[in-house]
PDB file of N, CA and C in Angstrom:
ATOM      1  N   MET A   1     -14.287   9.055   7.126  1.00  0.00           N
ATOM      2  CA  MET A   1     -14.700   7.244   6.948  1.00  0.00           C
ATOM      3  C   MET A   1     -14.355   6.668   7.348  1.00  0.00           C
ATOM      4  N   ASN A   2     -12.747   6.642   7.934  1.00  0.00           N
ATOM      5  CA  ASN A   2     -12.161   5.638   8.510  1.00  0.00           C
ATOM      6  C   ASN A   2     -12.810   5.638  10.426  1.00  0.00           C
ATOM      7  N   SER A   3     -12.450   4.422  10.784  1.00  0.00           N
ATOM      8  CA  SER A   3     -13.078   4.310  11.819  1.00  0.00           C
ATOM      9  C   SER A   3     -12.009   4.076  12.590  1.00  0.00           C
ATOM     10  N   SER A   4     -10.720   4.076  12.408  1.00  0.00           N
ATOM     11  CA  SER A   4      -9.561   3.558  13.506  1.00  0.00           C
ATOM     12  C   SER A   4      -8.618   4.527  13.926  1.00  0.00           C
ATOM     13  N   GLY A   5      -9.352   5.882  13.685  1.00  0.00           N
ATOM     14  CA  GLY A   5      -8.930   7.113  14.192  1.00  0.00           C
ATOM     15  C   GLY A   5      -7.497   7.802  13.569  1.00  0.00           C
ATOM     16  N   VAL A   6      -6.891   6.695  12.490  1.00  0.00           N
ATOM     17  CA  VAL A   6      -5.613   7.257  11.599  1.00  0.00           C
ATOM     18  C   VAL A   6      -5.865   7.679  10.610  1.00  0.00           C
ATOM     19  N   ASP A   7      -4.868   8.562  10.849  1.00  0.00           N
ATOM     20  CA  ASP A   7      -4.909   9.240   9.251  1.00  0.00           C
ATOM     21  C   ASP A   7      -4.382   8.756   7.957  1.00  0.00           C
ATOM     22  N   PRO A   8      -5.242   8.124   7.230  1.00  0.00           N
ATOM     23  CA  PRO A   8      -3.827   7.407   6.112  1.00  0.00           C
ATOM     24  C   PRO A   8      -2.725   8.093   5.630  1.00  0.00           C
ATOM     25  N   ALA A   9      -3.368   9.722   5.718  1.00  0.00           N
ATOM     26  CA  ALA A   9      -2.845  10.623   4.848  1.00  0.00           C
ATOM     27  C   ALA A   9      -1.454  10.856   5.887  1.00  0.00           C
ATOM     28  N   GLU A  10      -1.385  10.765   6.235  1.00  0.00           N
ATOM     29  CA  GLU A  10      -0.135  11.136   7.719  1.00  0.00           C
ATOM     30  C   GLU A  10       0.640   9.914   7.671  1.00  0.00           C
ATOM     31  N   THR A  11      -0.036   8.815   7.509  1.00  0.00           N
ATOM     32  CA  THR A  11       0.426   7.526   7.720  1.00  0.00           C
ATOM     33  C   THR A  11       1.944   7.346   6.304  1.00  0.00           C
ATOM     34  N   SER A  12       0.902   8.151   4.807  1.00  0.00           N
ATOM     35  CA  SER A  12       1.411   7.951   4.125  1.00  0.00           C
ATOM     36  C   SER A  12       2.735   8.786   3.883  1.00  0.00           C
ATOM     37  N   ARG A  13       2.310   9.901   4.582  1.00  0.00           N
ATOM     38  CA  ARG A  13       3.455  10.904   4.376  1.00  0.00           C
ATOM     39  C   ARG A  13       4.743   9.839   5.180  1.00  0.00           C
ATOM     40  N   ASP A  14       4.518   9.567   6.345  1.00  0.00           N
ATOM     41  CA  ASP A  14       5.404   8.463   7.398  1.00  0.00           C
ATOM     42  C   ASP A  14       6.125   7.972   6.566  1.00  0.00           C
ATOM     43  N   ILE A  15       5.765   7.011   5.888  1.00  0.00           N
ATOM     44  CA  ILE A  15       6.291   6.200   5.406  1.00  0.00           C
ATOM     45  C   ILE A  15       7.369   6.870   3.893  1.00  0.00           C
ATOM     46  N   LEU A  16       6.721   7.592   3.423  1.00  0.00           N
ATOM     47  CA  LEU A  16       7.440   8.307   2.297  1.00  0.00           C
ATOM     48  C   LEU A  16       8.210   8.958   2.760  1.00  0.00           C
ATOM     49  N   LEU A  17       8.868   9.360   3.293  1.00  0.00           N
ATOM     50  CA  LEU A  17       9.562  10.093   5.019  1.00  0.00           C
ATOM     51  C   LEU A  17      10.839   8.868   5.112  1.00  0.00           C
ATOM     52  N   LYS A  18      10.447   7.928   5.319  1.00  0.00           N
ATOM     53  CA  LYS A  18      11.513   7.044   5.630  1.00  0.00           C
ATOM     54  C   LYS A  18      12.028   6.306   3.955  1.00  0.00           C
ATOM     55  N   LEU A  19      10.950   6.756   3.344  1.00  0.00           N
ATOM     56  CA  LEU A  19      11.961   6.233   2.153  1.00  0.00           C
ATOM     57  C   LEU A  19      12.616   7.155   1.168  1.00  0.00           C
ATOM     58  N   GLY A  20      12.949   8.071   2.214  1.00  0.00           N
ATOM     59  CA  GLY A  20      13.637   9.857   1.621  1.00  0.00           C
ATOM     60  C   GLY A  20      12.972  10.625   0.982  1.00  0.00           C
ATOM     61  N   VAL A  21      11.409  10.059   1.023  1.00  0.00           N
ATOM     62  CA  VAL A  21      11.117  11.606  -0.121  1.00  0.00           C
ATOM     63  C   VAL A  21      11.477  12.239   0.373  1.00  0.00           C
ATOM     64  N   PRO A  22      11.655  13.716  -0.028  1.00  0.00           N
ATOM     65  CA  PRO A  22      12.023  14.685   0.966  1.00  0.00           C
ATOM     66  C   PRO A  22      10.326  15.327   1.564  1.00  0.00           C
ATOM     67  N   ASP A  23      10.068  16.040   2.409  1.00  0.00           N
ATOM     68  CA  ASP A  23       9.033  16.780   2.992  1.00  0.00           C
ATOM     69  C   ASP A  23       8.548  17.674   2.036  1.00  0.00           C
ATOM     70  N   SER A  24       9.317  18.464   1.619  1.00  0.00           N
ATOM     71  CA  SER A  24       8.914  19.896   0.523  1.00  0.00           C
ATOM     72  C   SER A  24       8.583  19.022  -0.802  1.00  0.00           C
ATOM     73  N   ALA A  25       8.621  17.420  -0.949  1.00  0.00           N
ATOM     74  CA  ALA A  25       8.010  16.772  -2.297  1.00  0.00           C
ATOM     75  C   ALA A  25       6.357  16.281  -1.924  1.00  0.00           C
ATOM     76  N   ILE A  26       6.232  16.153  -0.480  1.00  0.00           N
ATOM     77  CA  ILE A  26       5.114  15.554  -0.731  1.00  0.00           C
ATOM     78  C   ILE A  26       3.559  16.809   0.252  1.00  0.00           C
ATOM     79  N   GLU A  27       2.572  16.235  -0.307  1.00  0.00           N
ATOM     80  CA  GLU A  27       1.281  16.875  -0.211  1.00  0.00           C
ATOM     81  C   GLU A  27       0.058  16.616   0.444  1.00  0.00           C
ATOM     82  N   ILE A  28      -0.606  16.928   1.127  1.00  0.00           N
ATOM     83  CA  ILE A  28      -1.183  16.164   1.254  1.00  0.00           C
ATOM     84  C   ILE A  28      -2.771  16.979   1.187  1.00  0.00           C
ATOM     85  N   SER A  29      -3.767  15.956   0.483  1.00  0.00           N
ATOM     86  CA  SER A  29      -5.150  16.278  -0.043  1.00  0.00           C
ATOM     87  C   SER A  29      -5.990  16.367   0.980  1.00  0.00           C
ATOM     88  N   GLY A  30      -6.974  16.926   0.680  1.00  0.00           N
ATOM     89  CA  GLY A  30      -8.371  16.589   1.517  1.00  0.00           C
ATOM     90  C   GLY A  30      -9.131  15.520   1.098  1.00  0.00           C
ATOM     91  N   GLY A  31     -10.230  15.640   2.093  1.00  0.00           N
ATOM     92  CA  GLY A  31     -11.213  14.805   1.503  1.00  0.00           C
ATOM     93  C   GLY A  31     -11.629  13.537   2.599  1.00  0.00           C
ATOM     94  N   ARG A  32     -13.022  13.171   2.919  1.00  0.00           N
ATOM     95  CA  ARG A  32     -12.527  11.952   3.563  1.00  0.00           C
ATOM     96  C   ARG A  32     -13.082  10.934   3.222  1.00  0.00           C
ATOM     97  N   ASN A  33     -12.897  10.768   2.003  1.00  0.00           N
ATOM     98  CA  ASN A  33     -12.899   9.315   1.056  1.00  0.00           C
ATOM     99  C   ASN A  33     -12.551   9.596  -0.344  1.00  0.00           C
ATOM    100  N   THR A  34     -12.815   8.841  -1.244  1.00  0.00           N
ATOM    101  CA  THR A  34     -11.614   8.643  -2.466  1.00  0.00           C
ATOM    102  C   THR A  34     -12.862   9.391  -3.176  1.00  0.00           C
ATOM    103  N   SER A  35     -13.871   9.991  -3.338  1.00  0.00           N
ATOM    104  CA  SER A  35     -14.664  10.598  -4.207  1.00  0.00           C
ATOM    105  C   SER A  35     -14.170  12.321  -4.009  1.00  0.00           C
ATOM    106  N   GLU A  36     -13.839  12.520  -2.417  1.00  0.00           N
ATOM    107  CA  GLU A  36     -13.733  13.973  -1.717  1.00  0.00           C
ATOM    108  C   GLU A  36     -12.214  14.155  -2.555  1.00  0.00           C
ATOM    109  N   GLU A  37     -11.606  13.082  -2.033  1.00  0.00           N
ATOM    110  CA  GLU A  37      -9.911  13.180  -2.471  1.00  0.00           C
ATOM    111  C   GLU A  37      -9.370  13.669  -3.901  1.00  0.00           C
ATOM    112  N   MET A  38     -10.293  13.250  -4.393  1.00  0.00           N
ATOM    113  CA  MET A  38     -10.254  13.332  -6.265  1.00  0.00           C
ATOM    114  C   MET A  38     -11.039  14.532  -6.347  1.00  0.00           C
ATOM    115  N   GLN A  39     -12.308  15.247  -5.642  1.00  0.00           N
ATOM    116  CA  GLN A  39     -12.604  16.127  -6.350  1.00  0.00           C
ATOM    117  C   GLN A  39     -11.455  17.769  -6.151  1.00  0.00           C
ATOM    118  N   GLU A  40     -11.437  17.472  -4.521  1.00  0.00           N
ATOM    119  CA  GLU A  40      -9.558  18.140  -3.951  1.00  0.00           C
ATOM    120  C   GLU A  40      -8.879  18.065  -5.036  1.00  0.00           C
ATOM    121  N   LEU A  41      -7.804  16.975  -5.352  1.00  0.00           N
ATOM    122  CA  LEU A  41      -7.271  16.790  -6.462  1.00  0.00           C
ATOM    123  C   LEU A  41      -7.313  17.618  -7.933  1.00  0.00           C
ATOM    124  N   SER A  42      -8.569  17.553  -7.908  1.00  0.00           N
ATOM    125  CA  SER A  42      -9.185  18.237  -9.532  1.00  0.00           C
ATOM    126  C   SER A  42      -8.442  19.667  -9.355  1.00  0.00           C
ATOM    127  N   GLN A  43      -9.053  20.324  -8.705  1.00  0.00           N
ATOM    128  CA  GLN A  43      -9.000  21.424  -8.077  1.00  0.00           C
ATOM    129  C   GLN A  43      -7.371  22.041  -8.216  1.00  0.00           C
ATOM    130  N   ARG A  44      -6.955  21.218  -7.266  1.00  0.00           N
ATOM    131  CA  ARG A  44      -4.879  21.290  -7.079  1.00  0.00           C
ATOM    132  C   ARG A  44      -4.386  20.992  -8.502  1.00  0.00           C
ATOM    133  N   PHE A  45      -4.661  20.257  -9.515  1.00  0.00           N
ATOM    134  CA  PHE A  45      -4.347  19.784 -10.554  1.00  0.00           C
ATOM    135  C   PHE A  45      -4.768  20.419 -11.965  1.00  0.00           C
ATOM    136  N   GLN A  46      -5.965  21.425 -11.672  1.00  0.00           N
ATOM    137  CA  GLN A  46      -6.252  22.031 -12.742  1.00  0.00           C
ATOM    138  C   GLN A  46      -6.170  22.241 -13.742  1.00  0.00           C
ATOM    139  N   THR A  47      -5.028  22.870 -13.396  1.00  0.00           N
ATOM    140  CA  THR A  47      -4.487  24.405 -14.453  1.00  0.00           C
ATOM    141  C   THR A  47      -2.879  23.418 -14.968  1.00  0.00           C
ATOM    142  N   SER A  48      -2.483  22.512 -13.983  1.00  0.00           N
ATOM    143  CA  SER A  48      -1.169  21.849 -14.142  1.00  0.00           C
ATOM    144  C   SER A  48      -1.492  21.183 -15.544  1.00  0.00           C
ATOM    145  N   LYS A  49       0.075  21.086 -15.924  1.00  0.00           N
ATOM    146  CA  LYS A  49       0.157  19.970 -16.812  1.00  0.00           C
ATOM    147  C   LYS A  49       1.286  18.636 -16.092  1.00  0.00           C
ATOM    148  N   SER A  50       1.232  18.603 -15.309  1.00  0.00           N
ATOM    149  CA  SER A  50       2.316  17.771 -14.204  1.00  0.00           C
ATOM    150  C   SER A  50       1.214  16.523 -14.482  1.00  0.00           C
ATOM    151  N   ARG A  51       2.130  15.619 -14.336  1.00  0.00           N
ATOM    152  CA  ARG A  51       1.782  13.819 -14.760  1.00  0.00           C
ATOM    153  C   ARG A  51       1.076  13.760 -13.178  1.00  0.00           C
ATOM    154  N   ILE A  52       0.310  13.012 -13.335  1.00  0.00           N
ATOM    155  CA  ILE A  52       0.288  12.305 -11.538  1.00  0.00           C
ATOM    156  C   ILE A  52       0.067  10.769 -11.177  1.00  0.00           C
ATOM    157  N   GLY A  53       0.406  10.544 -10.311  1.00  0.00           N
ATOM    158  CA  GLY A  53       0.819   8.750  -9.803  1.00  0.00           C
ATOM    159  C   GLY A  53      -0.421   8.652  -8.794  1.00  0.00           C
ATOM    160  N   LEU A  54      -1.140   7.522  -9.175  1.00  0.00           N
ATOM    161  CA  LEU A  54      -2.270   7.397  -8.589  1.00  0.00           C
ATOM    162  C   LEU A  54      -1.970   6.328  -7.825  1.00  0.00           C
ATOM    163  N   LEU A  55      -1.314   6.195  -6.407  1.00  0.00           N
ATOM    164  CA  LEU A  55      -1.094   5.045  -5.376  1.00  0.00           C
ATOM    165  C   LEU A  55      -1.980   4.446  -4.332  1.00  0.00           C
ATOM    166  N   THR A  56      -2.673   3.581  -4.823  1.00  0.00           N
ATOM    167  CA  THR A  56      -3.498   2.810  -3.701  1.00  0.00           C
ATOM    168  C   THR A  56      -3.582   1.640  -4.088  1.00  0.00           C
ATOM    169  N   SER A  57      -4.059   0.390  -3.124  1.00  0.00           N
ATOM    170  CA  SER A  57      -4.316  -0.737  -2.928  1.00  0.00           C
ATOM    171  C   SER A  57      -4.928  -0.935  -4.712  1.00  0.00           C
ATOM    172  N   ALA A  58      -4.130  -2.618  -4.904  1.00  0.00           N
ATOM    173  CA  ALA A  58      -4.326  -2.690  -5.918  1.00  0.00           C
ATOM    174  C   ALA A  58      -5.823  -3.146  -6.271  1.00  0.00           C
ATOM    175  N   TRP A  59      -6.836  -3.856  -5.244  1.00  0.00           N
ATOM    176  CA  TRP A  59      -7.819  -3.895  -5.309  1.00  0.00           C
ATOM    177  C   TRP A  59      -9.131  -2.536  -4.910  1.00  0.00           C
ATOM    178  N   HIS A  60      -8.623  -1.383  -5.160  1.00  0.00           N
ATOM    179  CA  HIS A  60      -9.132  -0.334  -4.943  1.00  0.00           C
ATOM    180  C   HIS A  60      -8.984   0.920  -6.125  1.00  0.00           C
ATOM    181  N   LEU A  61      -7.778   0.384  -6.358  1.00  0.00           N
ATOM    182  CA  LEU A  61      -7.007   1.351  -7.769  1.00  0.00           C
ATOM    183  C   LEU A  61      -8.566   1.097  -9.100  1.00  0.00           C
ATOM    184  N   PRO A  62      -9.129  -0.128  -9.489  1.00  0.00           N
ATOM    185  CA  PRO A  62      -9.958   0.714 -10.511  1.00  0.00           C
ATOM    186  C   PRO A  62     -11.043   1.666 -10.407  1.00  0.00           C
ATOM    187  N   ARG A  63     -11.836   1.603  -8.998  1.00  0.00           N
ATOM    188  CA  ARG A  63     -12.374   2.595  -8.322  1.00  0.00           C
ATOM    189  C   ARG A  63     -11.583   4.378  -8.796  1.00  0.00           C
ATOM    190  N   ALA A  64     -10.781   4.163  -7.544  1.00  0.00           N
ATOM    191  CA  ALA A  64     -10.223   5.040  -7.491  1.00  0.00           C
ATOM    192  C   ALA A  64      -9.507   5.956  -8.963  1.00  0.00           C
ATOM    193  N   VAL A  65      -9.342   5.372  -9.842  1.00  0.00           N
ATOM    194  CA  VAL A  65      -8.746   5.539 -11.290  1.00  0.00           C
ATOM    195  C   VAL A  65     -10.570   5.872 -12.257  1.00  0.00           C
ATOM    196  N   ARG A  66     -11.447   5.459 -11.966  1.00  0.00           N
ATOM    197  CA  ARG A  66     -12.588   6.167 -12.254  1.00  0.00           C
ATOM    198  C   ARG A  66     -12.703   7.169 -12.225  1.00  0.00           C
ATOM    199  N   LEU A  67     -12.724   7.519 -10.435  1.00  0.00           N
ATOM    200  CA  LEU A  67     -13.656   8.918  -9.713  1.00  0.00           C
ATOM    201  C   LEU A  67     -12.126   9.701 -10.242  1.00  0.00           C
ATOM    202  N   ALA A  68     -11.280   9.487 -10.401  1.00  0.00           N
ATOM    203  CA  ALA A  68     -10.333  10.515 -10.888  1.00  0.00           C
ATOM    204  C   ALA A  68     -10.106  10.941 -12.282  1.00  0.00           C
ATOM    205  N   ASN A  69     -10.363  10.120 -13.371  1.00  0.00           N
ATOM    206  CA  ASN A  69     -10.909  10.333 -14.465  1.00  0.00           C
ATOM    207  C   ASN A  69     -12.417  11.269 -14.942  1.00  0.00           C
ATOM    208  N   ARG A  70     -12.971  10.840 -14.011  1.00  0.00           N
ATOM    209  CA  ARG A  70     -14.670  11.466 -13.610  1.00  0.00           C
ATOM    210  C   ARG A  70     -14.121  12.593 -13.257  1.00  0.00           C
ATOM    211  N   ASN A  71     -13.193  13.092 -12.473  1.00  0.00           N
ATOM    212  CA  ASN A  71     -13.061  14.883 -12.209  1.00  0.00           C
ATOM    213  C   ASN A  71     -11.441  15.360 -12.908  1.00  0.00           C
ATOM    214  N   GLY A  72     -11.770  14.502 -14.498  1.00  0.00           N
ATOM    215  CA  GLY A  72     -11.217  15.247 -15.387  1.00  0.00           C
ATOM    216  C   GLY A  72      -9.246  15.123 -15.096  1.00  0.00           C
ATOM    217  N   LEU A  73      -9.044  14.187 -14.211  1.00  0.00           N
ATOM    218  CA  LEU A  73      -7.822  13.758 -14.110  1.00  0.00           C
ATOM    219  C   LEU A  73      -7.572  12.605 -14.792  1.00  0.00           C
ATOM    220  N   GLN A  74      -6.090  12.704 -15.204  1.00  0.00           N
ATOM    221  CA  GLN A  74      -5.878  11.238 -15.684  1.00  0.00           C
ATOM    222  C   GLN A  74      -4.525  10.872 -15.524  1.00  0.00           C
ATOM    223  N   PRO A  75      -4.837  10.373 -13.821  1.00  0.00           N
ATOM    224  CA  PRO A  75      -3.621   9.553 -13.184  1.00  0.00           C
ATOM    225  C   PRO A  75      -3.187   7.832 -14.089  1.00  0.00           C
ATOM    226  N   ILE A  76      -1.983   8.472 -13.735  1.00  0.00           N
ATOM    227  CA  ILE A  76      -0.933   7.328 -14.037  1.00  0.00           C
ATOM    228  C   ILE A  76      -0.900   5.788 -12.841  1.00  0.00           C
ATOM    229  N   PRO A  77      -1.760   5.339 -13.025  1.00  0.00           N
ATOM    230  CA  PRO A  77      -2.185   3.743 -11.755  1.00  0.00           C
ATOM    231  C   PRO A  77      -0.626   3.299 -11.434  1.00  0.00           C
ATOM    232  N   LEU A  78      -0.843   3.238  -9.929  1.00  0.00           N
ATOM    233  CA  LEU A  78       0.206   2.775  -9.121  1.00  0.00           C
ATOM    234  C   LEU A  78       0.127   1.980  -8.383  1.00  0.00           C
ATOM    235  N   PRO A  79      -0.185   0.671  -8.294  1.00  0.00           N
ATOM    236  CA  PRO A  79      -1.144  -0.830  -7.440  1.00  0.00           C
ATOM    237  C   PRO A  79      -0.365  -0.625  -6.504  1.00  0.00           C
ATOM    238  N   ALA A  80      -0.431  -1.405  -5.050  1.00  0.00           N
ATOM    239  CA  ALA A  80       0.058  -1.743  -4.096  1.00  0.00           C
ATOM    240  C   ALA A  80      -0.377  -2.546  -3.538  1.00  0.00           C
ATOM    241  N   ASP A  81       0.016  -3.153  -2.322  1.00  0.00           N
ATOM    242  CA  ASP A  81      -0.754  -3.658  -1.467  1.00  0.00           C
ATOM    243  C   ASP A  81      -1.569  -5.420  -2.073  1.00  0.00           C
ATOM    244  N   PHE A  82      -1.049  -5.701  -2.647  1.00  0.00           N
ATOM    245  CA  PHE A  82      -1.821  -6.533  -3.277  1.00  0.00           C
ATOM    246  C   PHE A  82      -1.915  -7.629  -2.692  1.00  0.00           C
ATOM    247  N   ARG A  83      -3.735  -8.709  -3.258  1.00  0.00           N
ATOM    248  CA  ARG A  83      -3.808  -9.372  -1.967  1.00  0.00           C
ATOM    249  C   ARG A  83      -3.821 -10.307  -2.754  1.00  0.00           C
ATOM    250  N   THR A  84      -3.488 -11.958  -2.564  1.00  0.00           N
ATOM    251  CA  THR A  84      -3.811 -12.867  -2.668  1.00  0.00           C
ATOM    252  C   THR A  84      -4.123 -13.989  -2.043  1.00  0.00           C
ATOM    253  N   GLY A  85      -4.637 -15.189  -2.381  1.00  0.00           N
ATOM    254  CA  GLY A  85      -4.835 -15.843  -1.736  1.00  0.00           C
ATOM    255  C   GLY A  85      -4.081 -16.927  -1.426  1.00  0.00           C
ATOM    256  N   ALA A  86      -3.936 -17.818  -0.375  1.00  0.00           N
ATOM    257  CA  ALA A  86      -3.422 -18.585   0.281  1.00  0.00           C
ATOM    258  C   ALA A  86      -2.641 -19.797  -0.990  1.00  0.00           C
ATOM    259  N   ASN A  87      -1.331 -20.042  -0.939  1.00  0.00           N
ATOM    260  CA  ASN A  87      -1.413 -20.913  -1.890  1.00  0.00           C
ATOM    261  C   ASN A  87      -1.457 -22.393  -0.842  1.00  0.00           C
ATOM    262  N   VAL A  88      -2.453 -22.757  -0.946  1.00  0.00           N
ATOM    263  CA  VAL A  88      -2.511 -24.241  -0.586  1.00  0.00           C
ATOM    264  C   VAL A  88      -1.549 -25.366  -1.012  1.00  0.00           C
ATOM    265  N   GLU A  89      -0.367 -25.113  -1.789  1.00  0.00           N
ATOM    266  CA  GLU A  89       0.071 -26.619  -2.411  1.00  0.00           C
ATOM    267  C   GLU A  89       1.258 -26.734  -1.300  1.00  0.00           C
ATOM    268  N   GLY A  90       1.275 -27.848  -0.902  1.00  0.00           N
ATOM    269  CA  GLY A  90       2.097 -28.096   0.261  1.00  0.00           C
ATOM    270  C   GLY A  90       2.019 -27.717   1.923  1.00  0.00           C
ATOM    271  N   PHE A  91       0.522 -27.803   1.791  1.00  0.00           N
ATOM    272  CA  PHE A  91      -0.614 -27.343   3.462  1.00  0.00           C
ATOM    273  C   PHE A  91      -0.730 -28.844   3.520  1.00  0.00           C
ATOM    274  N   THR A  92      -0.908 -29.369   4.792  1.00  0.00           N
ATOM    275  CA  THR A  92      -0.907 -30.416   5.381  1.00  0.00           C
ATOM    276  C   THR A  92      -2.495 -29.862   5.471  1.00  0.00           C
ATOM    277  N   THR A  93      -3.129 -31.358   5.574  1.00  0.00           N
ATOM    278  CA  THR A  93      -4.681 -31.036   5.936  1.00  0.00           C
ATOM    279  C   THR A  93      -5.167 -30.087   7.045  1.00  0.00           C
ATOM    280  N   GLY A  94      -4.475 -30.458   7.568  1.00  0.00           N
ATOM    281  CA  GLY A  94      -5.070 -29.741   9.098  1.00  0.00           C
ATOM    282  C   GLY A  94      -4.648 -27.650   8.796  1.00  0.00           C
ATOM    283  N   GLN A  95      -4.028 -27.566   8.277  1.00  0.00           N
ATOM    284  CA  GLN A  95      -3.699 -26.261   8.050  1.00  0.00           C
ATOM    285  C   GLN A  95      -4.530 -26.024   6.935  1.00  0.00           C
ATOM    286  N   ILE A  96      -5.074 -26.571   5.872  1.00  0.00           N
ATOM    287  CA  ILE A  96      -6.236 -26.507   4.760  1.00  0.00           C
ATOM    288  C   ILE A  96      -7.756 -26.217   5.524  1.00  0.00           C
ATOM    289  N   VAL A  97      -7.681 -27.637   6.858  1.00  0.00           N
ATOM    290  CA  VAL A  97      -9.034 -27.530   7.321  1.00  0.00           C
ATOM    291  C   VAL A  97      -9.355 -25.540   8.314  1.00  0.00           C
ATOM    292  N   GLU A  98      -8.195 -25.976   8.602  1.00  0.00           N
ATOM    293  CA  GLU A  98      -8.435 -24.606  10.171  1.00  0.00           C
ATOM    294  C   GLU A  98      -8.522 -23.168   8.668  1.00  0.00           C
ATOM    295  N   SER A  99      -7.707 -23.405   7.447  1.00  0.00           N
ATOM    296  CA  SER A  99      -7.843 -22.017   6.783  1.00  0.00           C
ATOM    297  C   SER A  99      -9.793 -21.968   5.719  1.00  0.00           C
ATOM    298  N   MET A 100     -10.449 -22.830   6.638  1.00  0.00           N
ATOM    299  CA  MET A 100     -11.646 -22.645   5.902  1.00  0.00           C
ATOM    300  C   MET A 100     -12.376 -22.352   7.316  1.00  0.00           C
ATOM    301  N   ILE A 101     -11.861 -22.080   7.877  1.00  0.00           N
ATOM    302  CA  ILE A 101     -13.166 -21.238   9.707  1.00  0.00           C
ATOM    303  C   ILE A 101     -13.099 -19.875   9.546  1.00  0.00           C
ATOM    304  N   PRO A 102     -13.900 -19.773   9.506  1.00  0.00           N
ATOM    305  CA  PRO A 102     -13.989 -18.152   9.573  1.00  0.00           C
ATOM    306  C   PRO A 102     -12.916 -17.288  10.600  1.00  0.00           C
ATOM    307  N   ASN A 103     -12.668 -16.146  10.519  1.00  0.00           N
ATOM    308  CA  ASN A 103     -11.752 -15.572  10.620  1.00  0.00           C
ATOM    309  C   ASN A 103     -11.769 -13.604  10.477  1.00  0.00           C
ATOM    310  N   GLY A 104     -11.390 -12.997  12.027  1.00  0.00           N
ATOM    311  CA  GLY A 104     -11.279 -11.826  11.381  1.00  0.00           C
ATOM    312  C   GLY A 104     -10.401 -11.023  10.131  1.00  0.00           C
ATOM    313  N   SER A 105      -9.554 -11.671  10.030  1.00  0.00           N
ATOM    314  CA  SER A 105      -9.148 -11.289   8.499  1.00  0.00           C
ATOM    315  C   SER A 105      -9.832 -11.550   7.536  1.00  0.00           C
ATOM    316  N   ALA A 106     -10.910 -12.555   7.567  1.00  0.00           N
ATOM    317  CA  ALA A 106     -11.628 -13.039   6.375  1.00  0.00           C
ATOM    318  C   ALA A 106     -12.156 -12.253   6.395  1.00  0.00           C
ATOM    319  N   LEU A 107     -12.724 -11.881   7.774  1.00  0.00           N
ATOM    320  CA  LEU A 107     -13.938 -10.838   7.718  1.00  0.00           C
ATOM    321  C   LEU A 107     -13.827  -9.466   7.170  1.00  0.00           C
ATOM    322  N   ALA A 108     -12.723  -8.720   7.369  1.00  0.00           N
ATOM    323  CA  ALA A 108     -11.670  -7.948   7.095  1.00  0.00           C
ATOM    324  C   ALA A 108     -12.090  -7.754   5.363  1.00  0.00           C
ATOM    325  N   ALA A 109     -11.312  -8.470   4.778  1.00  0.00           N
ATOM    326  CA  ALA A 109     -11.459  -8.638   3.790  1.00  0.00           C
ATOM    327  C   ALA A 109     -12.809  -8.843   2.234  1.00  0.00           C
ATOM    328  N   THR A 110     -13.606  -9.382   3.418  1.00  0.00           N
ATOM    329  CA  THR A 110     -15.102  -9.522   2.975  1.00  0.00           C
ATOM    330  C   THR A 110     -15.737  -7.426   3.276  1.00  0.00           C
ATOM    331  N   TRP A 111     -15.191  -7.146   4.441  1.00  0.00           N
ATOM    332  CA  TRP A 111     -15.763  -5.828   4.763  1.00  0.00           C
ATOM    333  C   TRP A 111     -15.182  -5.045   3.544  1.00  0.00           C
ATOM    334  N   SER A 112     -13.937  -5.135   3.341  1.00  0.00           N
ATOM    335  CA  SER A 112     -13.203  -4.026   2.110  1.00  0.00           C
ATOM    336  C   SER A 112     -13.862  -4.384   0.855  1.00  0.00           C
ATOM    337  N   CYS A 113     -13.919  -5.651   0.556  1.00  0.00           N
ATOM    338  CA  CYS A 113     -14.928  -6.199  -1.072  1.00  0.00           C
ATOM    339  C   CYS A 113     -16.442  -5.716  -0.978  1.00  0.00           C
ATOM    340  N   ALA A 114     -17.050  -5.645   0.475  1.00  0.00           N
ATOM    341  CA  ALA A 114     -18.515  -4.956  -0.093  1.00  0.00           C
ATOM    342  C   ALA A 114     -18.168  -3.466  -0.129  1.00  0.00           C
ATOM    343  N   LYS A 115     -17.154  -2.701   0.745  1.00  0.00           N
ATOM    344  CA  LYS A 115     -17.322  -1.131   0.403  1.00  0.00           C
ATOM    345  C   LYS A 115     -16.909  -1.182  -0.694  1.00  0.00           C
ATOM    346  N   GLU A 116     -15.775  -1.959  -1.852  1.00  0.00           N
ATOM    347  CA  GLU A 116     -15.601  -1.529  -3.180  1.00  0.00           C
ATOM    348  C   GLU A 116     -16.670  -1.867  -4.060  1.00  0.00           C
ATOM    349  N   TYR A 117     -17.816  -2.400  -4.116  1.00  0.00           N
ATOM    350  CA  TYR A 117     -18.794  -2.705  -4.619  1.00  0.00           C
ATOM    351  C   TYR A 117     -19.984  -1.824  -4.174  1.00  0.00           C
ATOM    352  N   LEU A 118     -19.853  -1.629  -2.666  1.00  0.00           N
ATOM    353  CA  LEU A 118     -21.361  -0.663  -2.498  1.00  0.00           C
ATOM    354  C   LEU A 118     -20.566   0.860  -3.292  1.00  0.00           C
ATOM    355  N   GLY A 119     -19.836   1.205  -3.211  1.00  0.00           N
ATOM    356  CA  GLY A 119     -18.753   2.888  -3.722  1.00  0.00           C
ATOM    357  C   GLY A 119     -19.063   2.360  -5.354  1.00  0.00           C
ATOM    358  N   MET A 120     -19.027   1.493  -5.974  1.00  0.00           N
ATOM    359  CA  MET A 120     -19.445   1.056  -7.521  1.00  0.00           C
ATOM    360  C   MET A 120     -20.594   1.436  -7.906  1.00  0.00           C
ATOM    361  N   LEU A 121     -21.340   0.395  -6.769  1.00  0.00           N
ATOM    362  CA  LEU A 121     -23.228   1.016  -6.993  1.00  0.00           C
ATOM    363  C   LEU A 121     -23.739   2.389  -6.669  1.00  0.00           C
ATOM    364  N   VAL A 122     -22.742   2.987  -5.917  1.00  0.00           N
ATOM    365  CA  VAL A 122     -23.838   3.961  -5.587  1.00  0.00           C
ATOM    366  C   VAL A 122     -22.793   5.381  -6.244  1.00  0.00           C
ATOM    367  N   GLY A 123     -21.766   4.805  -7.528  1.00  0.00           N
ATOM    368  CA  GLY A 123     -21.315   5.737  -7.908  1.00  0.00           C
ATOM    369  C   GLY A 123     -20.111   6.585  -8.111  1.00  0.00           C
ATOM    370  N   ARG A 124     -19.727   6.160  -6.738  1.00  0.00           N
ATOM    371  CA  ARG A 124     -18.523   6.736  -6.456  1.00  0.00           C
ATOM    372  C   ARG A 124     -17.212   6.386  -6.260  1.00  0.00           C
TER     373      ARG A 124
END
């Protein structure tokens, strides 16, 4: 489902390696979307007593946790990539007006939001 051609799992692996996590401690799960990833993880941890952390964007975490629970996982939520609005206090009038003009970042945020709500709507 990732149209960028970049594998998020490999990107995550690269980040963890740069943070000093040993390669032997990193596992990559399969799946093309969150629903499939949770199914894969459920199979992997079916008989395990290990505690599992679920690290994803804060805006995506509620749906990811719901899908994990639906697949029998009880993950520890680990939010990242918090997205907040700009603090307009101290902005000039020009900056405030400019922030109201549609741009690519706003479109990307709208796309992410729509994707999350569509996922909730269809039960994924």
